[in-house]
Amino acid sequence: MSGSGDAAPARHNAGHGRRRRRVLVWASFAALVLLLVAAAAAIAALAVLRPRDPTTELLSVNATGATPRVAALPAVSVQLNVTFLLVVRVRNPNRAEFRHGAATTTLLYRGAEVGAAGVPAGTVPSRGAATLRLNMTVRADRVVAAAGVGGLLADVLAGEMEFEARTEVRGRVKLLGLVRRSAVARSLCRVVIGVADVKVRRQECHNESKL
């Protein structure tokens, strides 16, 4: 009697143990599936929301003003009245708006700064673009300081003057309303103007960005 009574609880315990193991196996499998799905969703989200570098693009450059002249009497002086009109576009490829601070453009002649312009802070919409219009006047005293009267006269006689326009836009991209990433977009353009007509003859631009 006692032998058969002991066997029944043993079989019951064995069956209960097998069911428990099956439940644990299925629970582990379900947890693994959920983890894989979560990982796949996270990878997809990172691929979609991965921060991308904003870029700057010089759309146009115009120069207006008077032809540079060097006067010898009564004393050597330079008469220069040139204004550059630049149109720069900032592109934001991110799925979040790009808030930038005051943008600056620096004009250089022979490596020295001869003019600068700035625009107020603003916002570039998600996957959108904003256009910045910059006006800057070339300062004659800085041109002379950069090249000297002889160097400027050589450029005037050659009929061309080469300038560099450097634009830098700094800001932040806010992802998912939580993560903020700093971003910088820069462009460097070499612009050659004709002395006789103060018109842009050639221009070459390079862009770089960092996020």
Protein backbone atom coordinates (compact mmCIF):
# COMPACT_ATOMS: atom_id res chain seq x y z
CA MET A 1 0.00 0.00 0.00
CA SER A 2 2.66 2.44 1.00
CA GLY A 3 4.71 1.71 -2.14
CA SER A 4 1.92 2.63 -4.57
CA GLY A 5 1.05 5.68 -2.44
CA ASP A 6 4.59 6.98 -2.68
CA ALA A 7 4.73 6.41 -6.46
CA ALA A 8 1.68 8.61 -7.13
CA PRO A 9 3.13 11.76 -5.49
CA ALA A 10 6.42 11.08 -7.24
CA ARG A 11 4.73 10.91 -10.65
CA HIS A 12 2.75 14.04 -9.78
CA ASN A 13 5.91 15.91 -8.79
CA ALA A 14 7.69 14.77 -11.96
CA GLY A 15 4.80 15.96 -14.14
CA HIS A 16 4.68 19.27 -12.32
CA GLY A 17 8.42 19.69 -12.79
CA ARG A 18 8.15 19.05 -16.55
CA ARG A 19 5.35 21.59 -16.90
CA ARG A 20 7.36 24.12 -14.93
CA ARG A 21 10.38 23.59 -17.18
CA ARG A 22 8.20 24.01 -20.28
CA VAL A 23 6.79 27.26 -18.87
CA LEU A 24 10.31 28.51 -18.14
CA VAL A 25 11.47 27.54 -21.65
CA TRP A 26 8.52 29.35 -23.29
CA ALA A 27 8.97 32.37 -21.03
CA SER A 28 12.66 32.52 -21.88
CA PHE A 29 11.87 32.18 -25.58
CA ALA A 30 9.25 34.96 -25.38
CA ALA A 31 11.69 37.21 -23.52
CA LEU A 32 14.35 36.53 -26.17
CA VAL A 33 11.91 37.39 -28.95
CA LEU A 34 10.95 40.61 -27.19
CA LEU A 35 14.61 41.53 -26.77
CA LEU A 36 15.29 40.87 -30.45
CA VAL A 37 12.29 42.95 -31.47
CA ALA A 38 13.38 45.76 -29.15
CA ALA A 39 16.93 45.61 -30.52
CA ALA A 40 15.65 45.71 -34.10
CA ALA A 41 13.41 48.68 -33.25
CA ALA A 42 16.32 50.48 -31.59
CA ILE A 43 18.56 49.88 -34.60
CA ALA A 44 15.84 51.14 -36.94
CA ALA A 45 15.30 54.20 -34.75
CA LEU A 46 19.01 54.97 -34.69
CA ALA A 47 19.19 54.60 -38.46
CA VAL A 48 16.31 57.04 -38.88
CA LEU A 49 17.26 59.49 -36.14
CA ARG A 50 21.04 59.31 -36.49
CA PRO A 51 22.35 62.87 -36.40
CA ARG A 52 23.50 64.14 -39.78
CA ASP A 53 25.77 67.05 -40.47
CA PRO A 54 24.15 70.33 -41.54
CA THR A 55 25.74 71.92 -44.58
CA THR A 56 26.22 75.42 -45.97
CA GLU A 57 26.06 76.31 -49.64
CA LEU A 58 26.96 79.61 -51.27
CA LEU A 59 24.15 80.29 -53.74
CA SER A 60 25.41 83.54 -55.20
CA VAL A 61 27.99 86.29 -54.84
CA ASN A 62 27.62 89.77 -56.24
CA ALA A 63 29.99 92.68 -55.96
CA THR A 64 29.05 96.32 -56.36
CA GLY A 65 30.92 99.57 -55.96
CA ALA A 66 33.65 101.61 -57.58
CA THR A 67 36.82 100.45 -59.30
CA PRO A 68 39.79 100.38 -56.89
CA ARG A 69 42.17 103.27 -57.53
CA VAL A 70 45.53 104.28 -56.15
CA ALA A 71 46.09 108.03 -55.95
CA ALA A 72 49.68 109.30 -55.79
CA LEU A 73 49.04 112.98 -55.08
CA PRO A 74 49.17 114.80 -52.77
CA ALA A 75 49.98 111.59 -50.88
CA VAL A 76 49.68 107.93 -51.77
CA SER A 77 46.18 106.73 -50.94
CA VAL A 78 43.83 103.96 -51.94
CA GLN A 79 40.25 104.61 -52.95
CA LEU A 80 38.22 101.44 -52.55
CA ASN A 81 34.46 101.09 -52.30
CA VAL A 82 33.41 97.47 -52.87
CA THR A 83 30.46 95.71 -51.23
CA PHE A 84 29.86 91.97 -51.45
CA LEU A 85 26.35 90.56 -51.42
CA LEU A 86 26.36 86.88 -50.46
CA VAL A 87 23.45 84.47 -50.34
CA VAL A 88 24.15 81.37 -48.24
CA ARG A 89 21.82 78.41 -47.78
CA VAL A 90 21.97 76.21 -44.67
CA ARG A 91 20.58 72.71 -45.13
CA ASN A 92 19.41 70.55 -42.21
CA PRO A 93 19.05 66.84 -43.14
CA ASN A 94 18.01 65.80 -39.61
CA ARG A 95 14.52 64.82 -38.45
CA ALA A 96 14.81 67.54 -35.82
CA GLU A 97 15.14 71.29 -36.16
CA PHE A 98 18.57 72.89 -36.15
CA ARG A 99 18.82 75.96 -33.92
CA HIS A 100 21.82 78.11 -34.76
CA GLY A 101 23.37 81.09 -33.13
CA ALA A 102 24.46 84.25 -34.90
CA ALA A 103 26.10 83.23 -38.17
CA THR A 104 29.26 85.00 -39.28
CA THR A 105 30.95 85.49 -42.62
CA THR A 106 34.50 86.77 -42.80
CA LEU A 107 36.00 88.27 -45.93
CA LEU A 108 39.76 87.87 -46.39
CA TYR A 109 42.23 89.39 -48.84
CA ARG A 110 45.67 87.84 -49.00
CA GLY A 111 44.91 86.00 -45.77
CA ALA A 112 43.92 89.09 -43.74
CA GLU A 113 40.39 89.98 -42.68
CA VAL A 114 39.07 92.97 -44.62
CA GLY A 115 35.34 92.67 -43.88
CA ALA A 116 32.78 90.75 -41.87
CA ALA A 117 29.02 90.32 -41.65
CA GLY A 118 26.63 88.57 -39.31
CA VAL A 119 22.99 87.52 -39.14
CA PRO A 120 20.79 86.93 -36.08
CA ALA A 121 20.24 83.50 -34.58
CA GLY A 122 17.54 81.39 -36.15
CA THR A 123 16.10 77.93 -36.74
CA VAL A 124 16.34 75.62 -39.74
CA PRO A 125 13.32 73.27 -39.85
CA SER A 126 13.54 69.49 -39.83
CA ARG A 127 14.83 68.24 -43.20
CA GLY A 128 14.60 71.80 -44.48
CA ALA A 129 16.75 74.77 -45.40
CA ALA A 130 17.13 78.45 -44.56
CA THR A 131 18.61 81.23 -46.67
CA LEU A 132 20.97 83.81 -45.16
CA ARG A 133 21.69 87.08 -46.97
CA LEU A 134 24.89 88.82 -46.00
CA ASN A 135 26.17 92.26 -46.98
CA MET A 136 29.72 93.31 -46.29
CA THR A 137 31.81 96.30 -47.30
CA VAL A 138 35.49 95.87 -48.01
CA ARG A 139 37.58 98.13 -45.79
CA ALA A 140 40.25 99.95 -47.80
CA ASP A 141 42.62 100.42 -44.86
CA ARG A 142 42.67 96.69 -44.16
CA VAL A 143 43.23 95.89 -47.84
CA VAL A 144 46.28 98.16 -47.89
CA ALA A 145 47.52 96.67 -44.62
CA ALA A 146 47.18 93.15 -46.06
CA ALA A 147 48.85 93.76 -49.42
CA GLY A 148 50.63 97.07 -49.15
CA VAL A 149 50.22 99.72 -51.82
CA GLY A 150 52.59 97.84 -54.11
CA GLY A 151 50.70 94.55 -53.80
CA LEU A 152 47.34 96.20 -54.33
CA LEU A 153 48.66 98.12 -57.32
CA ALA A 154 49.94 94.85 -58.80
CA ASP A 155 46.47 93.30 -58.50
CA VAL A 156 44.84 96.40 -59.97
CA LEU A 157 47.20 96.34 -62.94
CA ALA A 158 46.55 92.60 -63.37
CA GLY A 159 42.84 93.40 -63.52
CA GLU A 160 41.72 90.97 -60.80
CA MET A 161 41.45 90.79 -57.02
CA GLU A 162 40.94 87.49 -55.17
CA PHE A 163 39.03 87.30 -51.91
CA GLU A 164 38.05 84.49 -49.57
CA ALA A 165 34.65 84.33 -47.91
CA ARG A 166 34.42 82.07 -44.86
CA THR A 167 31.02 81.33 -43.37
CA GLU A 168 30.50 79.52 -40.08
CA VAL A 169 27.15 78.51 -38.60
CA ARG A 170 27.08 76.99 -35.10
CA GLY A 171 24.05 75.46 -33.46
CA ARG A 172 22.36 72.43 -31.90
CA VAL A 173 20.16 69.59 -33.06
CA LYS A 174 17.68 68.24 -30.49
CA LEU A 175 16.70 64.60 -31.10
CA LEU A 176 13.57 63.03 -29.62
CA GLY A 177 13.18 66.17 -27.54
CA LEU A 178 15.93 64.93 -25.21
CA VAL A 179 19.35 64.49 -26.82
CA ARG A 180 21.14 67.65 -27.91
CA ARG A 181 24.10 67.56 -30.27
CA SER A 182 26.29 70.50 -31.18
CA ALA A 183 26.83 71.11 -34.88
CA VAL A 184 29.04 73.38 -36.97
CA ALA A 185 28.68 74.04 -40.69
CA ARG A 186 31.41 75.91 -42.55
CA SER A 187 32.05 76.99 -46.12
CA LEU A 188 35.12 78.49 -47.75
CA CYS A 189 34.75 80.28 -51.07
CA ARG A 190 37.41 81.89 -53.24
CA VAL A 191 35.97 84.75 -55.24
CA VAL A 192 37.79 86.64 -57.99
CA ILE A 193 36.40 90.01 -59.05
CA GLY A 194 37.37 92.07 -62.05
CA VAL A 195 38.87 95.46 -61.26
CA ALA A 196 37.41 97.23 -64.28
CA ASP A 197 33.76 96.28 -63.76
CA VAL A 198 33.71 94.99 -60.13
CA LYS A 199 32.01 91.79 -61.27
CA VAL A 200 32.54 88.25 -60.03
CA ARG A 201 34.58 86.37 -62.62
CA ARG A 202 35.25 83.10 -60.83
CA GLN A 203 34.29 81.42 -57.60
CA GLU A 204 35.11 78.08 -56.01
CA CYS A 205 33.58 76.80 -52.78
CA HIS A 206 34.29 73.97 -50.34
CA ASN A 207 31.96 72.94 -47.53
CA GLU A 208 32.62 71.04 -44.32
CA SER A 209 30.53 70.20 -41.27
CA LYS A 210 30.93 68.55 -37.89
CA LEU A 211 28.29 67.10 -35.57
